[in-house]
Amino acid sequence: MKVKSQSDVYMRIIVLLTLIGLTHLLQSSNGQNLYFPPVSSSSTWDTISPSSLGWCTNKIDTLYDYLQQQDTKGFIVLKDGKIVLEKYFGTFTKDSLWYWASAGKTITAFLVGKAQEENYLSITDTSSKFLGLGWTNCTRSQEDKIKISHQLTMTSGLDDGVPDNHCTIDTCLNYLADAGTRWAYHNAPYTLLEKVLTTATGTPINTYTQTKLKSKTGMTGSWAFVDYDNVFISKVRSMARFGLLIQNNCIWDTDTLLYDTAYIRLMTNTSQALNLSYGYLWWLNGKTTYMLPTTQIIFPGSYAPAAPNDMIAGLGKNGQIVSVSKSLGLVVIRMGNQASSGEVPTQLCNRIWEKLNAVMCSVPSATPTILNKEIISIFPNPANTELNIDLPLGGNFEIEIINSVGQIILKVQNKIKIDISELNKGLYFISVKQGDRDYTQKLIKQ
């Protein structure tokens, strides 16, 4: 047997250490040294002080006052995995339980990806493969076009305008358009992903969640049916653990929970061409347009302009929010009530980021500076034949007028008077861009 030289042994060690190092780098989401709280302890979690980050601590009370006004129960901000802000309101504590509402859709997205990775299903499979023929009130050919991917992307084509769009009974699931041709925030097709998962894996949803997610991350909580909806209920810190997992590309410390990077990329990026701000059950910030529940209007800009462009969020009724920004190394969690927030609390999410930006006074903005109504004037509005732009700061600027379906129908540069006489009557959006700043408002053409 040939005896290896000492230099050969050293070379093998160097190669081995290099591979270990590369593996570690591949597991890191963005080069940050992330902290992960121990899986075995729900109470142990390292903290970092806002002052050590150079944040404006005198702004924290303003943030907390706003959260209290909005009937918040619990609030957490993680910086690189460590708790930098944590606040509970009223009798609510870190051990209290609360519902995720539609923010829990993000867990389902993860579980579907895991089931696909384990070859239980493919998201290109027809939904009827697991839900059975006749799970909708559609014709056979219409139903056969609906795939798991359409349930993940809210593009099933089923009518969301039924009296109860949470209803999962076949008579509530009516054809409106071919699958993949229409985006609409429809809860029932999403909810039926739970049956897809349990049929495909042969495992109850709580058991599958425990095995593939909770036991790996230290999360607690469980799924429970509320009317037609299957809702996840947990402590606030469990939502923070999930956000941290997503921040690190589904890797918990050194434990990879989901290896399918292609699925993760589609889950957290634009998944279809209809609503650019929607992935696989995740809301995406920083896109050029977005859509909202109950309407087919395509709005220009980001749904949360105060948040970083790379921010993704799980958003649920009454203000349940799990928000992640890899560029800033932040996970922002909010649980509580807010009766005015609707199915998807985009405005609340944006306002929280506005207040948080004031706290993070030393952090460079990850989004363009926004022109505001104090330094720009667009008049008259409503308008008939001519529109005037007053931009006191001067300099070059660009104007876009966008219709209600997101199409740019007029673009001009450096004009303070714009002829709109040829526009049809109705609702438009006018966007003013100057350098890296922008401003958008509604415009009514009479």
Protein backbone atom coordinates (compact mmCIF):
# COMPACT_ATOMS: atom_id res chain seq x y z
CA MET A 1 0.00 0.00 0.00
CA LYS A 2 1.30 3.43 -0.97
CA VAL A 3 1.99 5.66 2.03
CA LYS A 4 0.69 9.20 1.54
CA SER A 5 3.19 11.98 2.11
CA GLN A 6 2.61 14.56 4.82
CA SER A 7 2.00 17.18 2.14
CA ASP A 8 -0.77 14.98 0.63
CA VAL A 9 -2.47 14.72 4.02
CA TYR A 10 -2.26 18.48 4.55
CA MET A 11 -3.69 19.06 1.08
CA ARG A 12 -6.67 16.82 1.82
CA ILE A 13 -7.29 18.68 5.09
CA ILE A 14 -7.15 22.03 3.28
CA VAL A 15 -9.61 20.78 0.64
CA LEU A 16 -11.93 19.43 3.35
CA LEU A 17 -11.84 22.70 5.30
CA THR A 18 -12.46 24.65 2.11
CA LEU A 19 -15.52 22.55 1.32
CA ILE A 20 -16.82 23.05 4.86
CA GLY A 21 -16.31 26.76 4.50
CA LEU A 22 -18.07 26.88 1.14
CA THR A 23 -20.98 24.90 2.55
CA HIS A 24 -21.30 27.40 5.37
CA LEU A 25 -21.26 30.30 2.93
CA LEU A 26 -23.93 28.68 0.80
CA GLN A 27 -26.08 28.28 3.89
CA SER A 28 -25.76 31.94 4.81
CA SER A 29 -28.58 34.06 3.37
CA ASN A 30 -26.65 37.26 2.73
CA GLY A 31 -23.29 37.02 4.42
CA GLN A 32 -24.67 38.00 7.79
CA ASN A 33 -23.67 36.15 10.93
CA LEU A 34 -27.16 35.20 11.98
CA TYR A 35 -28.04 34.16 15.50
CA PHE A 36 -30.55 31.35 16.02
CA PRO A 37 -32.25 30.82 19.40
CA PRO A 38 -31.96 27.28 20.74
CA VAL A 39 -34.59 24.85 19.53
CA SER A 40 -34.87 23.29 22.97
CA SER A 41 -35.74 26.51 24.81
CA SER A 42 -38.57 28.91 24.02
CA SER A 43 -37.43 31.40 26.66
CA THR A 44 -33.74 31.69 25.70
CA TRP A 45 -33.15 34.30 23.02
CA ASP A 46 -30.17 36.65 22.74
CA THR A 47 -30.89 40.36 22.56
CA ILE A 48 -29.08 43.39 21.20
CA SER A 49 -29.74 46.93 22.37
CA PRO A 50 -31.08 49.56 19.96
CA SER A 51 -28.44 52.02 21.18
CA SER A 52 -25.62 49.64 20.21
CA LEU A 53 -26.98 49.75 16.65
CA GLY A 54 -26.97 53.53 16.68
CA TRP A 55 -30.77 53.70 16.62
CA CYS A 56 -32.68 56.71 17.95
CA THR A 57 -34.00 55.31 21.22
CA ASN A 58 -36.05 58.45 21.84
CA LYS A 59 -38.30 57.40 18.92
CA ILE A 60 -39.16 53.97 20.34
CA ASP A 61 -42.01 55.24 22.54
CA THR A 62 -43.62 56.89 19.51
CA LEU A 63 -43.54 53.53 17.73
CA TYR A 64 -45.01 51.76 20.76
CA ASP A 65 -47.70 54.44 21.19
CA TYR A 66 -48.77 53.92 17.60
CA LEU A 67 -48.85 50.15 18.04
CA GLN A 68 -50.96 50.50 21.17
CA GLN A 69 -53.38 52.81 19.37
CA GLN A 70 -53.80 50.09 16.75
CA ASP A 71 -54.71 47.48 19.42
CA THR A 72 -51.47 45.56 19.01
CA LYS A 73 -50.97 42.49 21.24
CA GLY A 74 -47.33 41.67 20.57
CA PHE A 75 -44.49 43.17 18.57
CA ILE A 76 -40.95 41.93 17.86
CA VAL A 77 -38.07 43.18 15.75
CA LEU A 78 -35.11 40.88 15.13
CA LYS A 79 -31.76 42.19 13.91
CA ASP A 80 -29.62 39.39 12.47
CA GLY A 81 -31.68 36.98 14.57
CA LYS A 82 -31.32 38.77 17.91
CA ILE A 83 -34.21 40.55 19.58
CA VAL A 84 -33.74 44.31 19.40
CA LEU A 85 -37.34 45.31 20.20
CA GLU A 86 -40.01 43.26 21.97
CA LYS A 87 -43.20 44.69 23.44
CA TYR A 88 -46.47 43.26 24.69
CA PHE A 89 -49.57 45.30 25.40
CA GLY A 90 -52.30 45.02 28.02
CA THR A 91 -52.55 41.56 29.56
CA PHE A 92 -50.90 39.91 26.56
CA THR A 93 -47.49 38.29 27.27
CA LYS A 94 -44.81 36.40 25.36
CA ASP A 95 -46.59 33.18 26.39
CA SER A 96 -50.02 34.26 25.11
CA LEU A 97 -51.46 32.64 22.00
CA TRP A 98 -52.85 34.46 18.97
CA TYR A 99 -53.97 33.59 15.45
CA TRP A 100 -51.93 34.21 12.29
CA ALA A 101 -54.98 34.54 10.01
CA SER A 102 -53.79 34.76 6.38
CA ALA A 103 -50.18 35.30 7.49
CA GLY A 104 -50.31 31.54 8.09
CA LYS A 105 -50.51 31.04 4.33
CA THR A 106 -46.73 31.41 4.36
CA ILE A 107 -46.39 28.26 6.46
CA THR A 108 -48.52 26.38 3.95
CA ALA A 109 -46.26 27.59 1.14
CA PHE A 110 -43.26 26.16 2.97
CA LEU A 111 -45.03 22.83 3.62
CA VAL A 112 -46.08 22.44 -0.03
CA GLY A 113 -42.46 23.00 -1.05
CA LYS A 114 -41.34 20.37 1.45
CA ALA A 115 -43.94 17.87 0.23
CA GLN A 116 -42.78 18.42 -3.34
CA GLU A 117 -39.14 17.95 -2.30
CA GLU A 118 -40.10 14.63 -0.70
CA ASN A 119 -41.85 13.56 -3.93
CA TYR A 120 -45.33 13.43 -2.41
CA LEU A 121 -46.59 15.87 -5.02
CA SER A 122 -45.58 18.25 -7.77
CA ILE A 123 -47.03 21.73 -7.94
CA THR A 124 -47.68 21.04 -11.62
CA ASP A 125 -50.10 18.26 -10.60
CA THR A 126 -53.79 18.93 -11.13
CA SER A 127 -55.51 19.74 -7.86
CA SER A 128 -58.13 17.07 -8.55
CA LYS A 129 -55.41 14.42 -8.24
CA PHE A 130 -55.58 15.00 -4.46
CA LEU A 131 -58.98 16.67 -4.03
CA GLY A 132 -60.90 14.23 -6.23
CA LEU A 133 -62.92 14.86 -9.37
CA GLY A 134 -65.78 17.30 -8.87
CA TRP A 135 -64.17 19.28 -6.05
CA THR A 136 -65.42 22.40 -7.85
CA ASN A 137 -68.69 23.35 -9.55
CA CYS A 138 -66.83 23.61 -12.88
CA THR A 139 -66.95 21.41 -15.93
CA ARG A 140 -64.40 18.61 -16.10
CA SER A 141 -62.25 20.48 -18.64
CA GLN A 142 -62.33 23.69 -16.57
CA GLU A 143 -61.43 21.85 -13.38
CA ASP A 144 -58.62 19.90 -15.02
CA LYS A 145 -56.82 23.16 -15.78
CA ILE A 146 -56.46 24.02 -12.08
CA LYS A 147 -53.10 22.94 -10.66
CA ILE A 148 -51.53 23.16 -7.22
CA SER A 149 -49.43 26.05 -8.52
CA HIS A 150 -52.63 28.01 -9.19
CA GLN A 151 -53.73 27.51 -5.59
CA LEU A 152 -50.32 28.81 -4.44
CA THR A 153 -50.48 31.90 -6.65
CA MET A 154 -54.18 32.85 -6.30
CA THR A 155 -54.78 32.20 -10.00
CA SER A 156 -57.30 29.32 -9.86
CA GLY A 157 -59.80 31.24 -12.01
CA LEU A 158 -62.58 30.40 -9.54
CA ASP A 159 -65.06 33.15 -8.73
CA ASP A 160 -63.98 35.08 -5.62
CA GLY A 161 -67.17 37.16 -5.81
CA VAL A 162 -69.40 34.45 -4.34
CA PRO A 163 -71.26 35.35 -1.11
CA ASP A 164 -68.59 33.58 0.99
CA ASN A 165 -65.23 33.19 -0.73
CA HIS A 166 -63.97 31.18 2.26
CA CYS A 167 -66.50 28.42 1.47
CA THR A 168 -64.76 25.24 0.30
CA ILE A 169 -67.92 23.33 -0.69
CA ASP A 170 -68.03 22.47 -4.40
CA THR A 171 -71.15 24.59 -5.02
CA CYS A 172 -69.18 27.67 -3.84
CA LEU A 173 -66.33 27.04 -6.27
CA ASN A 174 -67.60 28.37 -9.59
CA TYR A 175 -65.80 28.99 -12.86
CA LEU A 176 -65.00 32.59 -13.80
CA ALA A 177 -61.86 32.31 -15.93
CA ASP A 178 -59.36 29.68 -17.05
CA ALA A 179 -56.77 28.89 -14.39
CA GLY A 180 -53.68 31.05 -14.74
CA THR A 181 -55.43 33.90 -16.56
CA ARG A 182 -56.82 35.88 -13.60
CA TRP A 183 -55.38 36.82 -10.18
CA ALA A 184 -57.82 37.15 -7.29
CA TYR A 185 -57.33 36.82 -3.54
CA HIS A 186 -59.56 33.81 -2.95
CA ASN A 187 -59.33 31.98 0.37
CA ALA A 188 -61.16 28.76 -0.47
CA PRO A 189 -58.71 27.38 -3.07
CA TYR A 190 -55.87 28.23 -0.67
CA THR A 191 -57.58 26.47 2.26
CA LEU A 192 -57.95 23.32 0.17
CA LEU A 193 -54.15 23.10 -0.03
CA GLU A 194 -54.39 21.58 3.45
CA LYS A 195 -56.36 18.65 1.99
CA VAL A 196 -53.87 18.43 -0.88
CA LEU A 197 -51.05 18.11 1.67
CA THR A 198 -52.77 15.57 3.92
CA THR A 199 -53.89 13.43 0.97
CA ALA A 200 -50.46 13.54 -0.68
CA THR A 201 -48.42 12.84 2.46
CA GLY A 202 -50.94 10.62 4.24
CA THR A 203 -50.20 12.69 7.36
CA PRO A 204 -52.44 15.06 9.37
CA ILE A 205 -51.49 18.68 8.84
CA ASN A 206 -50.46 19.27 12.46
CA THR A 207 -48.25 16.18 12.42
CA TYR A 208 -46.58 17.21 9.17
CA THR A 209 -46.02 20.74 10.48
CA GLN A 210 -44.54 19.39 13.70
CA THR A 211 -42.16 17.03 11.91
CA LYS A 212 -40.97 19.29 9.10
CA LEU A 213 -41.04 22.72 10.75
CA LYS A 214 -41.77 23.06 14.46
CA SER A 215 -39.40 20.39 15.77
CA LYS A 216 -36.59 21.86 13.64
CA THR A 217 -37.02 25.49 14.70
CA GLY A 218 -38.46 25.43 18.22
CA MET A 219 -41.76 26.87 16.99
CA THR A 220 -44.91 26.01 18.91
CA GLY A 221 -48.53 26.30 17.88
CA SER A 222 -51.07 24.34 15.89
CA TRP A 223 -53.65 24.49 13.13
CA ALA A 224 -57.33 24.77 14.06
CA PHE A 225 -60.44 25.11 11.91
CA VAL A 226 -62.47 28.30 12.30
CA ASP A 227 -65.54 27.90 10.11
CA TYR A 228 -64.07 26.98 6.69
CA ASP A 229 -60.59 28.36 7.43
CA ASN A 230 -57.68 26.39 8.84
CA VAL A 231 -55.87 28.91 11.03
CA PHE A 232 -52.44 28.63 12.68
CA ILE A 233 -52.30 29.77 16.32
CA SER A 234 -49.07 30.35 18.22
CA LYS A 235 -47.02 32.64 20.43
CA VAL A 236 -45.54 35.79 18.92
CA ARG A 237 -41.99 34.42 19.24
CA SER A 238 -42.96 31.41 17.10
CA MET A 239 -43.86 33.76 14.28
CA ALA A 240 -40.48 35.43 14.76
CA ARG A 241 -38.73 32.06 14.52
CA PHE A 242 -40.50 31.38 11.22
CA GLY A 243 -39.49 34.79 9.88
CA LEU A 244 -35.88 34.09 10.80
CA LEU A 245 -36.03 30.75 8.97
CA ILE A 246 -37.28 32.47 5.82
CA GLN A 247 -34.64 35.20 6.16
CA ASN A 248 -32.00 32.47 5.99
CA ASN A 249 -33.51 30.73 2.93
CA CYS A 250 -35.20 27.95 4.92
CA ILE A 251 -32.02 27.01 6.80
CA TRP A 252 -32.17 26.95 10.59
CA ASP A 253 -28.61 27.54 11.78
CA THR A 254 -26.86 24.62 10.01
CA ASP A 255 -29.99 22.53 9.44
CA THR A 256 -31.44 22.88 5.94
CA LEU A 257 -35.19 22.43 6.18
CA LEU A 258 -35.90 22.94 2.48
CA TYR A 259 -33.20 22.24 -0.10
CA ASP A 260 -35.22 23.21 -3.17
CA THR A 261 -33.71 26.65 -3.84
CA ALA A 262 -35.69 27.01 -7.08
CA TYR A 263 -38.96 26.64 -5.16
CA ILE A 264 -37.79 29.08 -2.45
CA ARG A 265 -36.86 31.60 -5.13
CA LEU A 266 -40.32 31.38 -6.74
CA MET A 267 -42.03 31.41 -3.36
CA THR A 268 -40.42 34.73 -2.42
CA ASN A 269 -40.39 36.41 -5.85
CA THR A 270 -42.96 37.23 -8.50
CA SER A 271 -44.64 33.93 -9.33
CA GLN A 272 -46.93 34.99 -12.20
CA ALA A 273 -47.38 37.97 -14.52
CA LEU A 274 -50.76 39.12 -13.19
CA ASN A 275 -49.88 40.43 -9.72
CA LEU A 276 -46.17 41.23 -9.62
CA SER A 277 -46.32 41.66 -5.84
CA TYR A 278 -47.33 38.06 -5.09
CA GLY A 279 -45.17 34.96 -4.82
CA TYR A 280 -46.30 31.62 -3.44
CA LEU A 281 -48.66 33.00 -0.77
CA TRP A 282 -46.09 35.70 0.16
CA TRP A 283 -46.60 39.43 -0.50
CA LEU A 284 -43.64 41.09 -2.22
CA ASN A 285 -42.60 44.71 -1.84
CA GLY A 286 -40.67 46.91 -4.25
CA LYS A 287 -42.49 45.89 -7.43
CA THR A 288 -43.80 48.30 -10.07
CA THR A 289 -47.45 47.35 -9.48
CA TYR A 290 -49.62 45.44 -7.02
CA MET A 291 -53.15 44.12 -6.65
CA LEU A 292 -55.31 43.83 -3.53
CA PRO A 293 -58.20 41.57 -2.43
CA THR A 294 -61.74 42.17 -3.77
CA THR A 295 -60.62 44.31 -6.73
CA GLN A 296 -59.11 43.80 -10.15
CA ILE A 297 -57.42 47.21 -10.14
CA ILE A 298 -53.67 47.14 -10.69
CA PHE A 299 -52.11 49.83 -8.51
CA PRO A 300 -48.78 51.42 -9.44
CA GLY A 301 -45.80 51.25 -7.09
CA SER A 302 -45.20 49.21 -3.94
CA TYR A 303 -47.88 48.31 -1.41
CA ALA A 304 -45.52 49.39 1.42
CA PRO A 305 -43.33 52.21 0.07
CA ALA A 306 -41.84 52.91 3.52
CA ALA A 307 -40.44 49.37 3.71
CA PRO A 308 -37.28 48.12 1.97
CA ASN A 309 -37.77 47.07 -1.63
CA ASP A 310 -36.71 43.51 -0.80
CA MET A 311 -39.22 43.17 2.04
CA ILE A 312 -41.55 40.17 1.82
CA ALA A 313 -44.49 39.62 4.15
CA GLY A 314 -47.16 37.29 5.34
CA LEU A 315 -50.22 39.48 5.90
CA GLY A 316 -53.35 38.44 7.77
CA LYS A 317 -56.71 39.86 8.78
CA ASN A 318 -56.76 42.36 11.65
CA GLY A 319 -53.08 43.08 11.25
CA GLN A 320 -51.16 39.83 11.59
CA ILE A 321 -47.76 40.51 10.02
CA VAL A 322 -44.53 38.59 9.52
CA SER A 323 -42.22 40.87 7.55
CA VAL A 324 -38.67 40.03 6.40
CA SER A 325 -35.93 42.20 4.89
CA LYS A 326 -32.69 40.41 4.10
CA SER A 327 -30.94 43.64 3.07
CA LEU A 328 -31.45 45.12 6.54
CA GLY A 329 -31.22 41.81 8.39
CA LEU A 330 -34.62 42.44 9.95
CA VAL A 331 -37.65 40.37 10.87
CA VAL A 332 -40.65 42.43 12.02
CA ILE A 333 -43.59 40.72 13.74
CA ARG A 334 -46.94 42.23 14.72
CA MET A 335 -49.94 40.40 16.20
CA GLY A 336 -53.19 41.91 17.44
CA ASN A 337 -56.48 43.44 16.39
CA GLN A 338 -57.19 46.15 13.87
CA ALA A 339 -60.74 46.04 12.66
CA SER A 340 -60.12 48.45 9.78
CA SER A 341 -57.18 46.58 8.23
CA GLY A 342 -59.25 44.16 6.10
CA GLU A 343 -58.06 40.83 4.73
CA VAL A 344 -54.55 42.10 3.98
CA PRO A 345 -53.17 44.89 6.23
CA THR A 346 -50.91 46.58 3.68
CA GLN A 347 -51.46 50.07 5.11
CA LEU A 348 -50.70 48.96 8.66
CA CYS A 349 -47.56 47.20 7.45
CA ASN A 350 -46.42 50.38 5.73
CA ARG A 351 -47.17 52.58 8.75
CA ILE A 352 -45.21 50.29 11.07
CA TRP A 353 -42.22 50.54 8.74
CA GLU A 354 -42.58 54.33 8.70
CA LYS A 355 -42.38 54.41 12.50
CA LEU A 356 -39.58 51.85 12.54
CA ASN A 357 -37.56 53.89 10.04
CA ALA A 358 -37.65 56.80 12.50
CA VAL A 359 -36.28 54.49 15.19
CA MET A 360 -33.56 53.19 12.87
CA CYS A 361 -32.37 56.75 12.27
CA SER A 362 -28.80 55.69 11.46
CA VAL A 363 -29.77 53.00 8.96
CA PRO A 364 -29.40 54.02 5.29
CA SER A 365 -32.73 53.87 3.49
CA ALA A 366 -33.18 50.76 1.36
CA THR A 367 -35.89 52.46 -0.68
CA PRO A 368 -35.97 55.56 -2.87
CA THR A 369 -36.75 58.83 -1.14
CA ILE A 370 -40.42 59.58 -1.65
CA LEU A 371 -41.58 62.93 -2.94
CA ASN A 372 -44.50 64.05 -0.82
CA LYS A 373 -47.45 66.35 -1.12
CA GLU A 374 -45.70 69.03 0.91
CA ILE A 375 -43.16 69.61 -1.89
CA ILE A 376 -45.24 68.78 -4.96
CA SER A 377 -48.62 69.97 -6.19
CA ILE A 378 -50.74 68.44 -8.97
CA PHE A 379 -53.86 70.41 -9.90
CA PRO A 380 -56.69 70.59 -10.69
CA ASN A 381 -57.89 67.20 -9.52
CA PRO A 382 -60.43 66.21 -10.80
CA ALA A 383 -59.19 67.59 -14.12
CA ASN A 384 -60.75 68.03 -17.53
CA THR A 385 -58.39 69.22 -20.26
CA GLU A 386 -55.16 70.33 -18.60
CA LEU A 387 -53.08 69.24 -15.63
CA ASN A 388 -50.53 71.42 -13.83
CA ILE A 389 -47.42 70.20 -12.01
CA ASP A 390 -45.73 72.40 -9.41
CA LEU A 391 -42.37 71.01 -8.25
CA PRO A 392 -40.62 73.78 -6.28
CA LEU A 393 -37.33 71.89 -6.00
CA GLY A 394 -36.75 72.23 -9.76
CA GLY A 395 -34.56 69.92 -11.80
CA ASN A 396 -35.42 67.23 -14.34
CA PHE A 397 -38.45 65.06 -13.73
CA GLU A 398 -40.66 62.55 -15.53
CA ILE A 399 -44.44 62.22 -15.48
CA GLU A 400 -46.37 59.00 -16.12
CA ILE A 401 -50.13 58.67 -16.26
CA ILE A 402 -51.26 55.10 -15.63
CA ASN A 403 -54.72 53.64 -16.13
CA SER A 404 -56.57 51.43 -13.65
CA VAL A 405 -55.09 48.22 -15.07
CA GLY A 406 -51.51 49.40 -14.73
CA GLN A 407 -50.83 50.49 -18.32
CA ILE A 408 -48.73 53.62 -18.90
CA ILE A 409 -50.78 55.66 -21.34
CA LEU A 410 -48.86 58.93 -21.25
CA LYS A 411 -45.23 59.75 -20.46
CA VAL A 412 -43.65 63.20 -20.62
CA GLN A 413 -40.53 64.89 -19.27
CA ASN A 414 -40.07 68.29 -17.64
CA LYS A 415 -43.56 69.53 -18.51
CA ILE A 416 -45.46 71.59 -15.95
CA LYS A 417 -48.63 71.63 -18.08
CA ILE A 418 -49.97 68.40 -19.54
CA ASP A 419 -52.77 68.09 -22.08
CA ILE A 420 -55.15 65.33 -20.94
CA SER A 421 -58.08 66.25 -23.18
CA GLU A 422 -57.76 62.98 -25.12
CA LEU A 423 -58.01 60.78 -22.04
CA ASN A 424 -61.25 58.95 -21.39
CA LYS A 425 -63.15 59.86 -18.25
CA GLY A 426 -62.32 57.77 -15.21
CA LEU A 427 -59.71 56.90 -12.60
CA TYR A 428 -55.98 57.16 -13.31
CA PHE A 429 -52.74 57.32 -11.35
CA ILE A 430 -50.15 60.02 -11.95
CA SER A 431 -46.53 59.25 -11.08
CA VAL A 432 -43.84 61.93 -10.74
CA LYS A 433 -40.23 60.70 -10.76
CA GLN A 434 -37.20 62.86 -10.02
CA GLY A 435 -33.86 61.08 -9.73
CA ASP A 436 -34.28 58.33 -7.14
CA ARG A 437 -37.44 59.91 -5.74
CA ASP A 438 -41.00 59.30 -6.77
CA TYR A 439 -44.55 60.28 -5.90
CA THR A 440 -47.87 58.72 -6.98
CA GLN A 441 -51.43 59.89 -6.47
CA LYS A 442 -54.87 59.21 -7.88
CA LEU A 443 -56.17 61.38 -10.71
CA ILE A 444 -59.80 61.75 -11.77
CA LYS A 445 -60.44 62.72 -15.40
CA GLN A 446 -63.84 64.40 -15.76
